[in-house]
Amino acid sequence: MLVSSRFRALTFRFDVAAPSVEPIACCERLFANLAVASRAPIHHYRIDDADTGYELRLDGHLIGQAAELSRLVGDLAADANRHAVSSSATLTLHAGGVERDGVGFVFPGASQAGKSTLVAGLTRGAFRYVSDEAVALDWRTLAIRPYPKPLGLDRGSWELFPELERRACAGGADEWLVPVDADAVASPCRVAVVAFPRYEKAARTSLEPLRRAEALIELTKNTFRFDALGRRALRVLGALVREVDCYHFVIGDVDDACTLVEELARSPRRSDAAST
């Protein structure tokens, strides 16, 4: 039985065991940006051959089966991400995020809001990758801790990024999981802009300023474990919206959306002007 490197998804630490090189190599590539040298206690995924294809276990408990290895590794990635956001010691937003010149741009939203597609488009340019699904904030400083999980793109976005097909190394029939190049991963940064994306086919792409009270309500809807975290989370989110510029973000075309974010990156912050 071969064993992979150790990985850390936020505070969730794991490795992967498998009977052959292929699944280990796939995991090593997919989670390369999450590799750690720490010897802290970890959880153990195990991939085994089965009559129907492959089986996946976590700490000895069967959690999945699949006929194709790429699908099973995709299930492993999704399971590790679930454990990451449920056990994180940070305040974690259900959001995509990018960084440019030390400035963070965060895009909170529900599934299918266009987060991953927007992040993929921005990182094709001058922005660096924070995450496509979970943006972790330090409770005290509000700084972003990058979480460079594999980028997940649904079938509807594939035609926009044909260059990523050859790099996708896991997923299923309707998803690519793409490892992000190490030099494209963000550095820790401060949030400057929070924009709530909403994909609308054929709509005019637009950014509209959002009142801070409205932004706070939307953030509470897009914070993992908000109900369990309670008043502390509400207090920190309130501090966040006082410091950043907040927007509604209607996305009809990803290239137009990236152009608007580029313009934001070059413009003075509204919050800076308000504080002078």
Protein backbone atom coordinates (compact mmCIF):
# COMPACT_ATOMS: atom_id res chain seq x y z
CA MET A 1 0.00 0.00 0.00
CA LEU A 2 1.43 3.38 -1.08
CA VAL A 3 0.87 6.54 0.95
CA SER A 4 0.80 10.13 -0.28
CA SER A 5 2.25 13.26 1.22
CA ARG A 6 0.39 14.88 4.08
CA PHE A 7 -2.04 17.65 3.19
CA ARG A 8 -3.79 20.41 5.11
CA ALA A 9 -7.10 21.88 3.98
CA LEU A 10 -7.47 24.83 6.38
CA THR A 11 -7.07 22.91 9.67
CA PHE A 12 -8.13 19.49 8.33
CA ARG A 13 -5.05 17.30 7.85
CA PHE A 14 -5.09 14.13 5.79
CA ASP A 15 -3.15 11.70 3.67
CA VAL A 16 -4.18 9.15 1.06
CA ALA A 17 -3.28 5.47 0.81
CA ALA A 18 -3.84 3.39 -2.33
CA PRO A 19 -2.63 0.08 -3.76
CA SER A 20 -1.05 1.58 -6.88
CA VAL A 21 0.83 4.62 -8.12
CA GLU A 22 -1.96 6.12 -10.27
CA PRO A 23 -4.33 7.35 -7.51
CA ILE A 24 -1.42 8.58 -5.38
CA ALA A 25 0.03 10.54 -8.30
CA CYS A 26 -3.39 12.03 -9.00
CA CYS A 27 -3.78 13.19 -5.38
CA GLU A 28 -0.22 14.51 -5.21
CA ARG A 29 -0.90 16.67 -8.25
CA LEU A 30 -4.38 17.76 -7.21
CA PHE A 31 -3.45 18.76 -3.65
CA ALA A 32 0.12 19.94 -4.27
CA ASN A 33 -0.58 23.40 -2.82
CA LEU A 34 -1.96 21.84 0.37
CA ALA A 35 1.08 19.65 1.10
CA VAL A 36 2.64 20.07 4.56
CA ALA A 37 5.56 18.54 6.41
CA SER A 38 3.90 18.61 9.83
CA ARG A 39 3.69 15.40 11.82
CA ALA A 40 0.53 16.51 13.66
CA PRO A 41 -2.28 13.92 13.98
CA ILE A 42 -4.13 13.45 10.72
CA HIS A 43 -7.02 11.63 9.08
CA HIS A 44 -6.48 8.85 6.59
CA TYR A 45 -8.23 8.35 3.26
CA ARG A 46 -7.82 4.97 1.61
CA ILE A 47 -8.63 4.04 -1.98
CA ASP A 48 -9.13 0.34 -2.70
CA ASP A 49 -9.99 -1.66 -5.78
CA ALA A 50 -13.52 -3.05 -5.74
CA ASP A 51 -15.74 -5.18 -7.95
CA THR A 52 -17.56 -2.05 -9.12
CA GLY A 53 -14.36 -0.01 -9.60
CA TYR A 54 -13.02 1.75 -6.52
CA GLU A 55 -13.97 2.32 -2.89
CA LEU A 56 -13.07 5.29 -0.67
CA ARG A 57 -12.73 5.15 3.10
CA LEU A 58 -11.96 7.80 5.69
CA ASP A 59 -10.43 6.49 8.91
CA GLY A 60 -11.77 3.05 8.07
CA HIS A 61 -15.35 4.09 7.28
CA LEU A 62 -16.69 3.58 3.76
CA ILE A 63 -17.74 6.94 2.33
CA GLY A 64 -17.91 6.41 -1.43
CA GLN A 65 -17.72 4.13 -4.45
CA ALA A 66 -17.15 4.93 -8.10
CA ALA A 67 -16.46 3.11 -11.34
CA GLU A 68 -13.81 5.64 -12.40
CA LEU A 69 -10.77 6.73 -10.45
CA SER A 70 -11.10 10.38 -11.44
CA ARG A 71 -14.63 10.44 -10.05
CA LEU A 72 -13.55 8.85 -6.76
CA VAL A 73 -10.69 11.33 -6.31
CA GLY A 74 -13.24 14.06 -7.00
CA ASP A 75 -15.39 12.64 -4.20
CA LEU A 76 -12.32 12.62 -1.95
CA ALA A 77 -11.65 16.29 -2.73
CA ALA A 78 -15.26 17.22 -1.98
CA ASP A 79 -15.20 15.30 1.30
CA ALA A 80 -11.93 16.90 2.40
CA ASN A 81 -13.37 20.32 1.61
CA ARG A 82 -16.49 19.60 3.68
CA HIS A 83 -14.33 18.63 6.64
CA ALA A 84 -12.14 21.70 6.10
CA VAL A 85 -14.99 24.20 6.31
CA SER A 86 -16.81 22.38 9.12
CA SER A 87 -13.74 22.18 11.37
CA SER A 88 -11.95 25.42 10.48
CA ALA A 89 -10.78 27.65 13.32
CA THR A 90 -11.17 30.67 11.04
CA LEU A 91 -14.26 32.64 10.07
CA THR A 92 -14.90 31.05 6.68
CA LEU A 93 -17.05 32.59 3.98
CA HIS A 94 -18.76 30.62 1.22
CA ALA A 95 -16.96 32.67 -1.38
CA GLY A 96 -14.40 32.78 -4.12
CA GLY A 97 -11.44 35.07 -3.71
CA VAL A 98 -8.44 36.52 -5.50
CA GLU A 99 -5.54 38.79 -4.58
CA ARG A 100 -3.61 41.43 -6.48
CA ASP A 101 -0.74 43.52 -5.12
CA GLY A 102 -1.63 42.53 -1.55
CA VAL A 103 -5.30 43.47 -1.95
CA GLY A 104 -8.06 40.88 -1.57
CA PHE A 105 -11.29 40.66 -3.57
CA VAL A 106 -13.97 38.38 -2.15
CA PHE A 107 -17.06 37.05 -3.96
CA PRO A 108 -19.56 35.43 -1.57
CA GLY A 109 -22.47 33.55 -3.02
CA ALA A 110 -24.48 30.36 -3.15
CA SER A 111 -23.69 27.48 -5.49
CA GLN A 112 -24.15 28.37 -9.18
CA ALA A 113 -23.67 32.08 -8.48
CA GLY A 114 -20.61 32.10 -10.74
CA LYS A 115 -17.85 32.20 -8.11
CA SER A 116 -15.53 29.59 -9.62
CA THR A 117 -15.98 30.85 -13.16
CA LEU A 118 -15.19 34.41 -12.10
CA VAL A 119 -12.12 33.31 -10.11
CA ALA A 120 -10.89 31.22 -13.06
CA GLY A 121 -11.24 34.20 -15.35
CA LEU A 122 -9.44 36.57 -13.00
CA THR A 123 -6.54 34.20 -12.33
CA ARG A 124 -6.05 33.88 -16.07
CA GLY A 125 -4.95 37.52 -15.81
CA ALA A 126 -3.04 39.43 -13.13
CA PHE A 127 -4.88 38.14 -10.06
CA ARG A 128 -3.74 35.32 -7.81
CA TYR A 129 -5.84 32.50 -6.40
CA VAL A 130 -7.21 32.56 -2.86
CA SER A 131 -9.98 29.97 -3.24
CA ASP A 132 -12.98 29.26 -5.41
CA GLU A 133 -15.31 28.29 -2.57
CA ALA A 134 -14.04 29.03 0.94
CA VAL A 135 -12.35 32.27 1.98
CA ALA A 136 -10.89 32.05 5.49
CA LEU A 137 -10.58 35.22 7.58
CA ASP A 138 -8.50 35.67 10.69
CA TRP A 139 -10.85 36.45 13.57
CA ARG A 140 -8.68 39.23 14.94
CA THR A 141 -7.05 40.89 11.94
CA LEU A 142 -9.63 40.04 9.21
CA ALA A 143 -6.72 39.04 6.98
CA ILE A 144 -7.33 36.36 4.35
CA ARG A 145 -5.55 33.05 4.73
CA PRO A 146 -5.35 31.56 1.21
CA TYR A 147 -6.93 28.13 0.82
CA PRO A 148 -5.66 26.89 -2.58
CA LYS A 149 -7.97 23.92 -2.99
CA PRO A 150 -8.36 22.55 -6.51
CA LEU A 151 -10.38 24.81 -8.77
CA GLY A 152 -13.72 23.21 -9.60
CA LEU A 153 -15.44 24.08 -12.88
CA ASP A 154 -18.87 22.81 -13.87
CA ARG A 155 -19.62 21.72 -17.42
CA GLY A 156 -21.31 25.03 -18.23
CA SER A 157 -17.99 26.87 -17.88
CA TRP A 158 -15.79 24.45 -19.82
CA GLU A 159 -16.06 26.21 -23.15
CA LEU A 160 -14.75 29.42 -21.54
CA PHE A 161 -11.52 27.75 -20.40
CA PRO A 162 -10.51 25.09 -22.95
CA GLU A 163 -6.89 25.40 -21.85
CA LEU A 164 -7.79 23.87 -18.47
CA GLU A 165 -9.09 20.57 -19.88
CA ARG A 166 -5.65 19.02 -20.17
CA ARG A 167 -4.79 20.08 -16.60
CA ALA A 168 -7.94 18.67 -15.00
CA CYS A 169 -6.99 15.50 -13.18
CA ALA A 170 -10.15 14.55 -11.28
CA GLY A 171 -13.87 15.16 -11.10
CA GLY A 172 -16.79 13.56 -12.82
CA ALA A 173 -18.72 13.80 -16.04
CA ASP A 174 -19.90 17.30 -15.12
CA GLU A 175 -16.90 18.80 -13.30
CA TRP A 176 -13.22 19.49 -13.83
CA LEU A 177 -10.97 19.66 -10.80
CA VAL A 178 -7.89 21.65 -11.74
CA PRO A 179 -4.76 22.08 -9.60
CA VAL A 180 -3.59 25.70 -9.43
CA ASP A 181 0.02 26.51 -10.28
CA ALA A 182 2.04 27.29 -7.16
CA ASP A 183 3.13 30.69 -8.48
CA ALA A 184 -0.54 31.63 -9.01
CA VAL A 185 -1.46 31.15 -5.34
CA ALA A 186 -2.17 34.32 -3.37
CA SER A 187 -0.23 35.65 -0.43
CA PRO A 188 -2.01 36.54 2.82
CA CYS A 189 -3.80 39.83 2.27
CA ARG A 190 -6.42 42.27 3.51
CA VAL A 191 -9.90 42.38 2.04
CA ALA A 192 -10.66 45.58 0.11
CA VAL A 193 -13.73 44.59 -1.93
CA VAL A 194 -16.66 42.28 -1.26
CA ALA A 195 -18.89 41.76 -4.31
CA PHE A 196 -21.85 39.38 -4.30
CA PRO A 197 -22.02 37.69 -7.74
CA ARG A 198 -25.19 36.53 -9.41
CA TYR A 199 -24.94 34.87 -12.80
CA GLU A 200 -27.74 35.82 -15.20
CA LYS A 201 -27.47 34.47 -18.72
CA ALA A 202 -27.38 37.28 -21.32
CA ALA A 203 -27.74 39.98 -18.65
CA ARG A 204 -25.73 43.18 -18.75
CA THR A 205 -22.72 42.71 -16.47
CA SER A 206 -22.77 45.37 -13.77
CA LEU A 207 -21.38 46.34 -10.38
CA GLU A 208 -23.69 48.37 -8.14
CA PRO A 209 -22.70 49.76 -4.72
CA LEU A 210 -24.35 47.97 -1.82
CA ARG A 211 -25.24 49.50 1.52
CA ARG A 212 -23.20 48.08 4.38
CA ALA A 213 -26.29 46.87 6.27
CA GLU A 214 -27.40 44.93 3.20
CA ALA A 215 -23.90 43.54 2.74
CA LEU A 216 -23.84 42.35 6.35
CA ILE A 217 -27.11 40.47 5.88
CA GLU A 218 -25.78 38.82 2.73
CA LEU A 219 -22.55 37.84 4.47
CA THR A 220 -24.45 36.12 7.27
CA LYS A 221 -26.16 34.01 4.60
CA ASN A 222 -22.81 33.07 3.09
CA THR A 223 -20.75 32.23 6.17
CA PHE A 224 -20.13 28.59 6.98
CA ARG A 225 -21.46 27.59 10.43
CA PHE A 226 -22.82 31.10 11.06
CA ASP A 227 -25.62 29.87 13.34
CA ALA A 228 -23.15 27.93 15.48
CA LEU A 229 -20.65 30.81 15.65
CA GLY A 230 -23.28 33.31 16.78
CA ARG A 231 -22.62 36.83 17.98
CA ARG A 232 -18.88 36.64 17.58
CA ALA A 233 -19.25 36.02 13.85
CA LEU A 234 -21.81 38.81 13.50
CA ARG A 235 -19.48 41.25 15.26
CA VAL A 236 -16.53 40.37 13.04
CA LEU A 237 -18.60 40.51 9.85
CA GLY A 238 -19.84 43.93 10.95
CA ALA A 239 -16.26 45.09 11.33
CA LEU A 240 -15.46 43.70 7.88
CA VAL A 241 -18.22 45.57 6.03
CA ARG A 242 -17.14 48.82 7.71
CA GLU A 243 -13.67 48.43 6.19
CA VAL A 244 -14.43 47.31 2.64
CA ASP A 245 -16.31 48.39 -0.47
CA CYS A 246 -19.42 46.28 -1.08
CA TYR A 247 -21.25 45.62 -4.36
CA HIS A 248 -24.01 43.71 -6.08
CA PHE A 249 -22.36 41.96 -9.04
CA VAL A 250 -24.54 40.81 -11.92
CA ILE A 251 -22.53 38.61 -14.30
CA GLY A 252 -23.77 38.04 -17.82
CA ASP A 253 -20.34 37.67 -19.43
CA VAL A 254 -17.22 36.53 -17.60
CA ASP A 255 -14.83 38.67 -19.66
CA ASP A 256 -16.88 41.78 -18.91
CA ALA A 257 -16.95 40.80 -15.23
CA CYS A 258 -13.16 40.45 -15.15
CA THR A 259 -12.81 43.86 -16.77
CA LEU A 260 -14.95 45.46 -14.04
CA VAL A 261 -12.86 43.84 -11.31
CA GLU A 262 -9.69 45.05 -13.07
CA GLU A 263 -11.13 48.58 -12.99
CA LEU A 264 -11.89 48.23 -9.28
CA ALA A 265 -8.31 47.13 -8.66
CA ARG A 266 -7.04 50.31 -10.31
CA SER A 267 -9.53 52.66 -8.63
CA PRO A 268 -9.34 54.32 -5.21
CA ARG A 269 -11.38 52.53 -2.57
CA ARG A 270 -14.75 54.07 -1.72
CA SER A 271 -14.12 53.11 1.90
CA ASP A 272 -10.85 55.06 1.89
CA ALA A 273 -12.63 58.15 0.62
CA ALA A 274 -15.34 57.78 3.23
CA SER A 275 -12.78 57.68 6.02
CA THR A 276 -11.02 60.92 5.03
